[in-house]
Amino acid sequence: MKMKVDILVPYLSGQGGMETVAKKVVEFYSKNQEIEVRLVIPQGTIRKEWISDITNNILYNDSKLKIKLSRNLWGLFYLINYLIFHTRDTDIVIGMSSRLVRIISIYRKVLKKNFLLVSWIHFSIDHEDAVRIKDIKKADYHLAISSGIKRQLVREGISSNKIELIYNPVEKTDESISSSKSDTLELLYMGRVMLDGQKNLRELFLALSRLKISWHLKLVGDGNQMQNAQNLAKELGIKNKIDFCGWLRDPWKQITNVDYLLLTSKYEGLPMVLIEAIERGLPCIAANCPTGPEDIIDERNGYLYEVGNIKSLVNKLIIADKNKYKYQKNTVKNTATKFLEENYFVRLTEFLKEIKKNEGIKHL
């Protein structure tokens, strides 16, 4: 008999990493003989393109409600209906937000359901207001996408035996990003344009303004701070060295002649852009924020610097410029091995089987 697993997704934009990973998991197990995974979306999603080709194994609240309170109430009704009528033979329910974990745990008890509840949080617990540890603790087990998040969970009193370090999956590719082969250090930033929030682009611009070597930056992404970013670059006298490319539909197919990808985030969960870069043989320079980069970047594929230390970032850029020809593409690509889908799904499958087995033993 197949194990049945449901993944519950909160209200999302339809363009982010959580949607991508959830979809990958559903698609992988649609061909699996032992485990069946269903996607449940109680509040709907802003954009529906990401689920347009999932025809089976999905429960979707096609809500058109724009007002948050109305959407939340209708989503709660849909969620309760799902728990009552659609979990009779469900073995494991995975909640992708702490709020979902809390609500599911309440109604699991009220409705006397027997499924296991797993939290799957994609953000640093210390930096996201929407992530509440007391709600996460209501789950039986936990998936951690980075070592930093696992440390945060353990610090908050959750047993490490209840946590599986799973990372996130990246698709294997034969693509490689070519190096610049010039005297100019060619740099790439790919992500939301935020000067002072999570993405911390002000730190990057300040460091670049102090850099005395020849450099050029391709900045791929958009956001409501784009004009502010351009204004700051102009004030610092570096705007002519930055290409503000905007949002690109398939950026990796349009990027060539780059030496390093940059990430200056104050916090992350597990920054997939770093993994996607090293899988293409592109080394990285990243802020060693509390969760994520330490799992990805080491001496084989780039440099880490202390968040907020502009001098350190400048020094890493100078060192990187001197060493930009030392990185072999295959060596960098090999550092992405543990994140590849084939290895990711081995870990996830073993985790699901193990917790189901443990629960069965406990009830003997």
Protein backbone atom coordinates (compact mmCIF):
# COMPACT_ATOMS: atom_id res chain seq x y z
CA MET A 1 0.00 0.00 0.00
CA LYS A 2 1.35 3.43 -0.99
CA MET A 3 2.30 5.90 1.68
CA LYS A 4 0.21 9.06 1.22
CA VAL A 5 1.75 12.44 1.91
CA ASP A 6 0.12 15.87 1.61
CA ILE A 7 2.07 19.13 1.29
CA LEU A 8 0.13 22.21 2.41
CA VAL A 9 1.27 25.48 0.87
CA PRO A 10 0.45 28.95 2.26
CA TYR A 11 -0.72 31.88 0.15
CA LEU A 12 2.22 32.58 -2.19
CA SER A 13 3.06 34.71 -5.21
CA GLY A 14 3.51 31.75 -7.55
CA GLN A 15 7.03 32.80 -8.54
CA GLY A 16 9.18 31.91 -5.53
CA GLY A 17 11.43 29.10 -4.42
CA MET A 18 8.87 27.45 -2.14
CA GLU A 19 6.52 26.91 -5.08
CA THR A 20 9.36 25.53 -7.20
CA VAL A 21 10.43 22.99 -4.57
CA ALA A 22 6.89 21.89 -3.72
CA LYS A 23 6.15 21.31 -7.40
CA LYS A 24 9.37 19.35 -7.91
CA VAL A 25 8.44 17.05 -5.00
CA VAL A 26 4.92 16.39 -6.34
CA GLU A 27 6.23 15.71 -9.85
CA PHE A 28 8.96 13.35 -8.63
CA TYR A 29 6.62 11.20 -6.56
CA SER A 30 3.98 11.06 -9.31
CA LYS A 31 6.25 8.35 -10.80
CA ASN A 32 7.05 6.64 -7.49
CA GLN A 33 5.58 3.24 -6.66
CA GLU A 34 5.79 3.56 -2.88
CA ILE A 35 4.90 7.16 -2.02
CA GLU A 36 2.15 9.40 -3.35
CA VAL A 37 2.39 13.15 -2.73
CA ARG A 38 -0.50 15.56 -3.07
CA LEU A 39 -0.33 19.37 -3.15
CA VAL A 40 -2.94 21.22 -1.08
CA ILE A 41 -3.37 24.99 -1.49
CA PRO A 42 -6.09 26.20 0.93
CA GLN A 43 -5.89 29.94 0.18
CA GLY A 44 -5.07 29.84 -3.50
CA THR A 45 -2.10 31.58 -5.06
CA ILE A 46 -1.52 34.95 -6.72
CA ARG A 47 -0.27 33.42 -9.97
CA LYS A 48 -1.47 30.01 -11.09
CA GLU A 49 1.05 29.27 -13.86
CA TRP A 50 3.25 27.19 -11.57
CA ILE A 51 0.46 24.65 -10.97
CA SER A 52 -1.11 24.77 -14.43
CA ASP A 53 0.42 21.45 -15.50
CA ILE A 54 -0.32 19.59 -12.25
CA THR A 55 -3.51 17.78 -13.24
CA ASN A 56 -3.53 15.06 -10.58
CA ASN A 57 -2.57 15.02 -6.91
CA ILE A 58 -3.71 18.57 -6.19
CA LEU A 59 -6.43 20.18 -4.07
CA TYR A 60 -6.68 23.85 -4.91
CA ASN A 61 -8.90 26.60 -3.54
CA ASP A 62 -9.43 28.75 -6.61
CA SER A 63 -10.28 31.81 -4.53
CA LYS A 64 -10.57 35.21 -6.19
CA LEU A 65 -10.79 37.07 -2.88
CA LYS A 66 -8.41 40.05 -2.64
CA ILE A 67 -9.13 41.23 0.91
CA LYS A 68 -6.78 39.45 3.31
CA LEU A 69 -9.34 38.83 6.08
CA SER A 70 -11.88 37.37 3.66
CA ARG A 71 -9.21 35.24 2.02
CA ASN A 72 -8.01 33.94 5.38
CA LEU A 73 -11.52 33.02 6.54
CA TRP A 74 -12.37 31.25 3.28
CA GLY A 75 -8.98 29.54 3.35
CA LEU A 76 -9.62 28.34 6.91
CA PHE A 77 -12.99 26.90 5.86
CA TYR A 78 -11.33 25.12 2.93
CA LEU A 79 -8.57 23.79 5.20
CA ILE A 80 -11.03 22.41 7.75
CA ASN A 81 -13.06 20.81 4.96
CA TYR A 82 -9.86 19.20 3.65
CA LEU A 83 -8.96 17.85 7.11
CA ILE A 84 -12.44 16.39 7.61
CA PHE A 85 -12.98 14.79 4.21
CA HIS A 86 -9.61 14.32 2.53
CA THR A 87 -7.28 12.90 5.19
CA ARG A 88 -8.92 9.55 5.93
CA ASP A 89 -5.96 7.59 4.55
CA THR A 90 -3.26 10.29 4.72
CA ASP A 91 -0.10 9.17 6.51
CA ILE A 92 1.88 12.43 6.67
CA VAL A 93 0.90 16.09 6.35
CA ILE A 94 3.70 18.62 5.71
CA GLY A 95 3.00 22.27 6.52
CA MET A 96 5.09 24.90 4.73
CA SER A 97 4.31 27.70 7.19
CA SER A 98 4.21 27.87 10.98
CA ARG A 99 0.62 29.16 10.82
CA LEU A 100 -0.47 26.13 8.81
CA VAL A 101 1.29 23.83 11.28
CA ARG A 102 -0.59 25.46 14.18
CA ILE A 103 -4.02 25.22 12.54
CA ILE A 104 -3.49 21.66 11.35
CA SER A 105 -2.31 20.58 14.83
CA ILE A 106 -5.44 22.06 16.44
CA TYR A 107 -7.90 20.39 14.09
CA ARG A 108 -5.94 17.13 14.03
CA LYS A 109 -6.65 16.89 17.75
CA VAL A 110 -10.28 18.04 17.47
CA LEU A 111 -11.02 15.66 14.60
CA LYS A 112 -8.96 12.82 16.14
CA LYS A 113 -6.82 12.32 13.04
CA ASN A 114 -3.79 10.01 13.14
CA PHE A 115 -1.52 11.43 10.45
CA LEU A 116 1.98 12.65 11.30
CA LEU A 117 2.58 16.39 11.10
CA VAL A 118 5.85 17.74 9.69
CA SER A 119 7.00 21.37 9.51
CA TRP A 120 8.92 22.52 6.44
CA ILE A 121 10.02 26.13 6.99
CA HIS A 122 11.99 27.91 4.28
CA PHE A 123 13.07 30.99 6.21
CA SER A 124 15.46 31.86 9.01
CA ILE A 125 13.44 31.54 12.22
CA ASP A 126 15.19 34.56 13.72
CA HIS A 127 14.46 36.95 10.86
CA GLU A 128 10.90 36.36 9.62
CA ASP A 129 8.05 37.77 11.71
CA ALA A 130 5.61 35.30 10.16
CA VAL A 131 7.63 32.33 11.45
CA ARG A 132 6.64 31.47 15.03
CA ILE A 133 8.66 28.84 16.86
CA LYS A 134 5.86 27.95 19.29
CA ASP A 135 3.74 26.95 16.30
CA ILE A 136 6.56 24.98 14.67
CA LYS A 137 6.96 22.98 17.89
CA LYS A 138 3.44 21.58 17.41
CA ALA A 139 4.74 19.39 14.57
CA ASP A 140 5.97 15.84 15.20
CA TYR A 141 8.98 16.16 12.90
CA HIS A 142 10.76 18.90 10.99
CA LEU A 143 12.48 19.36 7.65
CA ALA A 144 15.35 21.87 7.72
CA ILE A 145 16.60 23.31 4.45
CA SER A 146 19.92 24.50 5.93
CA SER A 147 22.29 23.75 8.80
CA GLY A 148 21.55 27.19 10.24
CA ILE A 149 17.82 26.53 10.44
CA LYS A 150 18.48 23.17 12.08
CA ARG A 151 20.66 24.92 14.69
CA GLN A 152 17.88 27.42 15.33
CA LEU A 153 15.35 24.62 15.86
CA VAL A 154 17.68 22.77 18.25
CA ARG A 155 18.40 25.99 20.12
CA GLU A 156 14.65 26.41 20.65
CA GLY A 157 14.41 23.00 22.32
CA ILE A 158 13.52 20.68 19.44
CA SER A 159 15.41 17.38 19.53
CA SER A 160 17.88 16.96 16.67
CA ASN A 161 16.47 13.44 16.23
CA LYS A 162 13.22 15.04 15.10
CA ILE A 163 14.91 17.20 12.44
CA GLU A 164 16.04 16.12 8.99
CA LEU A 165 18.54 18.35 7.18
CA ILE A 166 17.16 18.10 3.67
CA TYR A 167 18.45 21.19 1.78
CA ASN A 168 16.61 22.03 -1.48
CA PRO A 169 16.94 20.32 -4.87
CA VAL A 170 18.63 21.77 -7.93
CA GLU A 171 18.31 20.32 -11.41
CA LYS A 172 21.46 18.90 -12.95
CA THR A 173 22.55 20.84 -16.01
CA ASP A 174 25.27 20.61 -18.62
CA GLU A 175 25.32 24.40 -18.88
CA SER A 176 28.42 26.33 -17.83
CA ILE A 177 28.80 30.07 -17.39
CA SER A 178 31.86 31.25 -19.28
CA SER A 179 34.44 33.42 -17.51
CA SER A 180 35.26 36.93 -18.71
CA LYS A 181 38.90 36.25 -19.71
CA SER A 182 39.61 39.97 -19.39
CA ASP A 183 41.35 42.30 -16.96
CA THR A 184 37.97 43.51 -15.69
CA LEU A 185 36.37 41.60 -12.81
CA GLU A 186 32.93 40.68 -14.16
CA LEU A 187 30.36 40.29 -11.40
CA LEU A 188 26.73 39.16 -11.30
CA TYR A 189 23.89 39.83 -8.84
CA MET A 190 20.64 37.95 -9.38
CA GLY A 191 17.64 38.55 -7.11
CA ARG A 192 15.25 41.15 -5.76
CA VAL A 193 16.46 44.74 -5.75
CA MET A 194 16.44 45.75 -2.07
CA LEU A 195 18.85 48.33 -0.70
CA ASP A 196 18.38 47.93 3.05
CA GLY A 197 16.18 44.89 3.59
CA GLN A 198 17.05 41.25 3.31
CA LYS A 199 19.07 41.51 0.08
CA ASN A 200 21.22 44.36 1.45
CA LEU A 201 22.37 45.84 -1.86
CA ARG A 202 23.58 49.03 -0.19
CA GLU A 203 26.42 46.99 1.30
CA LEU A 204 27.37 45.73 -2.14
CA PHE A 205 27.29 49.19 -3.73
CA LEU A 206 29.37 50.70 -0.92
CA ALA A 207 31.98 47.94 -1.27
CA LEU A 208 32.14 48.33 -5.03
CA SER A 209 32.56 52.11 -4.70
CA ARG A 210 35.74 51.46 -2.65
CA LEU A 211 37.15 48.89 -5.05
CA LYS A 212 40.23 50.22 -6.87
CA ILE A 213 40.46 47.44 -9.45
CA SER A 214 38.59 47.36 -12.78
CA TRP A 215 35.13 45.82 -12.31
CA HIS A 216 31.67 45.60 -13.88
CA LEU A 217 28.36 44.37 -12.42
CA LYS A 218 25.34 42.82 -14.14
CA LEU A 219 22.36 43.29 -11.84
CA VAL A 220 19.50 40.96 -12.79
CA GLY A 221 16.20 41.45 -10.96
CA ASP A 222 13.59 44.05 -10.13
CA GLY A 223 11.67 45.43 -7.18
CA ASN A 224 10.10 48.61 -5.90
CA GLN A 225 13.52 49.93 -4.82
CA MET A 226 15.00 49.88 -8.31
CA GLN A 227 14.98 53.67 -8.67
CA ASN A 228 16.54 54.08 -5.21
CA ALA A 229 19.27 51.62 -6.16
CA GLN A 230 20.01 53.51 -9.36
CA ASN A 231 20.09 56.80 -7.45
CA LEU A 232 22.56 55.39 -4.89
CA ALA A 233 24.79 54.04 -7.66
CA LYS A 234 24.80 57.49 -9.24
CA GLU A 235 25.62 59.17 -5.90
CA LEU A 236 28.55 56.77 -5.38
CA GLY A 237 29.82 57.38 -8.89
CA ILE A 238 29.49 53.75 -10.01
CA LYS A 239 26.30 53.74 -12.10
CA ASN A 240 28.24 53.56 -15.37
CA LYS A 241 29.82 50.30 -14.16
CA ILE A 242 26.46 48.60 -13.48
CA ASP A 243 24.04 47.13 -16.02
CA PHE A 244 20.56 47.23 -14.46
CA CYS A 245 19.13 44.36 -16.52
CA GLY A 246 15.72 44.11 -14.83
CA TRP A 247 13.81 40.84 -14.53
CA LEU A 248 14.73 38.15 -17.06
CA ARG A 249 12.50 35.15 -17.71
CA ASP A 250 15.32 32.61 -18.06
CA PRO A 251 18.39 34.49 -16.81
CA TRP A 252 20.90 31.62 -16.80
CA LYS A 253 20.50 31.20 -20.55
CA GLN A 254 21.27 34.90 -21.07
CA ILE A 255 24.28 35.26 -18.76
CA THR A 256 27.80 34.89 -20.20
CA ASN A 257 31.30 36.15 -19.44
CA VAL A 258 30.95 36.37 -15.65
CA ASP A 259 33.61 35.61 -13.03
CA TYR A 260 31.60 35.52 -9.77
CA LEU A 261 28.04 35.69 -8.51
CA LEU A 262 27.50 38.00 -5.50
CA LEU A 263 25.06 37.68 -2.60
CA THR A 264 25.09 40.22 0.25
CA SER A 265 21.93 39.12 2.07
CA LYS A 266 21.44 39.79 5.78
CA TYR A 267 19.47 36.55 6.04
CA GLU A 268 18.27 33.68 3.87
CA GLY A 269 16.81 30.22 4.24
CA LEU A 270 18.90 28.42 1.65
CA PRO A 271 19.81 30.79 -1.23
CA MET A 272 19.09 28.75 -4.32
CA VAL A 273 20.80 31.29 -6.58
CA LEU A 274 24.15 30.22 -5.07
CA ILE A 275 23.41 26.55 -5.75
CA GLU A 276 22.25 27.31 -9.30
CA ALA A 277 25.47 29.26 -9.87
CA ILE A 278 27.89 26.58 -8.67
CA GLU A 279 25.96 23.92 -10.62
CA ARG A 280 26.93 26.00 -13.68
CA GLY A 281 30.56 26.21 -12.60
CA LEU A 282 30.28 29.84 -11.48
CA PRO A 283 32.10 30.60 -8.20
CA CYS A 284 30.43 32.92 -5.67
CA ILE A 285 31.17 35.60 -3.09
CA ALA A 286 28.52 35.61 -0.36
CA ALA A 287 27.75 37.11 3.02
CA ASN A 288 27.97 34.41 5.68
CA CYS A 289 24.48 35.14 6.99
CA PRO A 290 23.09 32.87 9.74
CA THR A 291 21.40 30.26 7.53
CA GLY A 292 22.33 28.97 4.11
CA PRO A 293 25.62 30.13 2.54
CA GLU A 294 27.85 28.05 4.85
CA ASP A 295 26.21 24.90 3.41
CA ILE A 296 27.07 25.94 -0.14
CA ILE A 297 30.24 28.03 -0.32
CA ASP A 298 33.73 26.89 0.68
CA GLU A 299 37.29 27.29 -0.61
CA ARG A 300 36.52 25.09 -3.62
CA ASN A 301 33.87 27.39 -5.09
CA GLY A 302 34.25 30.90 -3.70
CA TYR A 303 34.44 33.14 -0.65
CA LEU A 304 32.37 34.02 2.42
CA TYR A 305 32.61 37.31 4.26
CA GLU A 306 31.11 38.62 7.50
CA VAL A 307 27.72 40.32 7.06
CA GLY A 308 28.02 44.08 7.56
CA ASN A 309 31.80 44.11 7.17
CA ILE A 310 32.30 46.20 4.02
CA LYS A 311 36.07 46.13 4.38
CA SER A 312 35.99 42.32 4.42
CA LEU A 313 33.85 42.26 1.27
CA VAL A 314 36.28 44.64 -0.49
CA ASN A 315 39.20 42.39 0.49
CA LYS A 316 37.38 39.26 -0.77
CA LEU A 317 36.71 41.00 -4.09
CA ILE A 318 40.40 41.90 -4.46
CA ILE A 319 41.45 38.32 -3.62
CA ALA A 320 38.80 36.94 -5.96
CA ASP A 321 40.10 39.11 -8.78
CA LYS A 322 43.64 37.77 -8.29
CA ASN A 323 42.38 34.17 -8.19
CA LYS A 324 39.59 34.22 -10.76
CA TYR A 325 41.41 31.82 -13.09
CA LYS A 326 42.12 29.23 -10.41
CA TYR A 327 38.58 27.79 -10.41
CA GLN A 328 38.01 24.84 -12.72
CA LYS A 329 34.40 24.64 -13.90
CA ASN A 330 34.08 20.91 -13.11
CA THR A 331 35.52 21.39 -9.61
CA VAL A 332 32.98 24.10 -8.85
CA LYS A 333 30.13 22.04 -10.35
CA ASN A 334 31.08 19.04 -8.19
CA THR A 335 30.42 21.06 -5.03
CA ALA A 336 26.71 21.12 -5.96
CA THR A 337 26.43 17.32 -5.88
CA LYS A 338 24.63 17.04 -2.53
CA PHE A 339 21.92 19.42 -3.77
CA LEU A 340 21.17 17.58 -7.02
CA GLU A 341 17.63 16.23 -7.32
CA GLU A 342 18.78 12.60 -7.46
CA ASN A 343 20.46 12.91 -4.05
CA TYR A 344 17.82 15.18 -2.54
CA PHE A 345 15.03 12.67 -3.18
CA VAL A 346 17.05 9.82 -1.67
CA ARG A 347 17.23 11.84 1.57
CA LEU A 348 13.56 12.84 1.49
CA THR A 349 12.34 9.31 0.74
CA GLU A 350 14.43 7.82 3.55
CA PHE A 351 13.08 10.44 5.96
CA LEU A 352 9.44 9.79 5.08
CA LYS A 353 9.87 6.02 5.36
CA GLU A 354 11.76 6.29 8.63
CA ILE A 355 9.24 8.49 10.46
CA LYS A 356 6.35 6.29 9.24
CA LYS A 357 8.22 3.21 10.44
CA ASN A 358 9.02 4.81 13.81
CA GLU A 359 5.40 5.77 14.31
CA GLY A 360 4.30 2.25 13.50
CA ILE A 361 6.75 0.80 16.03
CA LYS A 362 5.59 3.30 18.67
CA HIS A 363 2.00 2.11 18.33
CA LEU A 364 2.77 -1.60 18.52
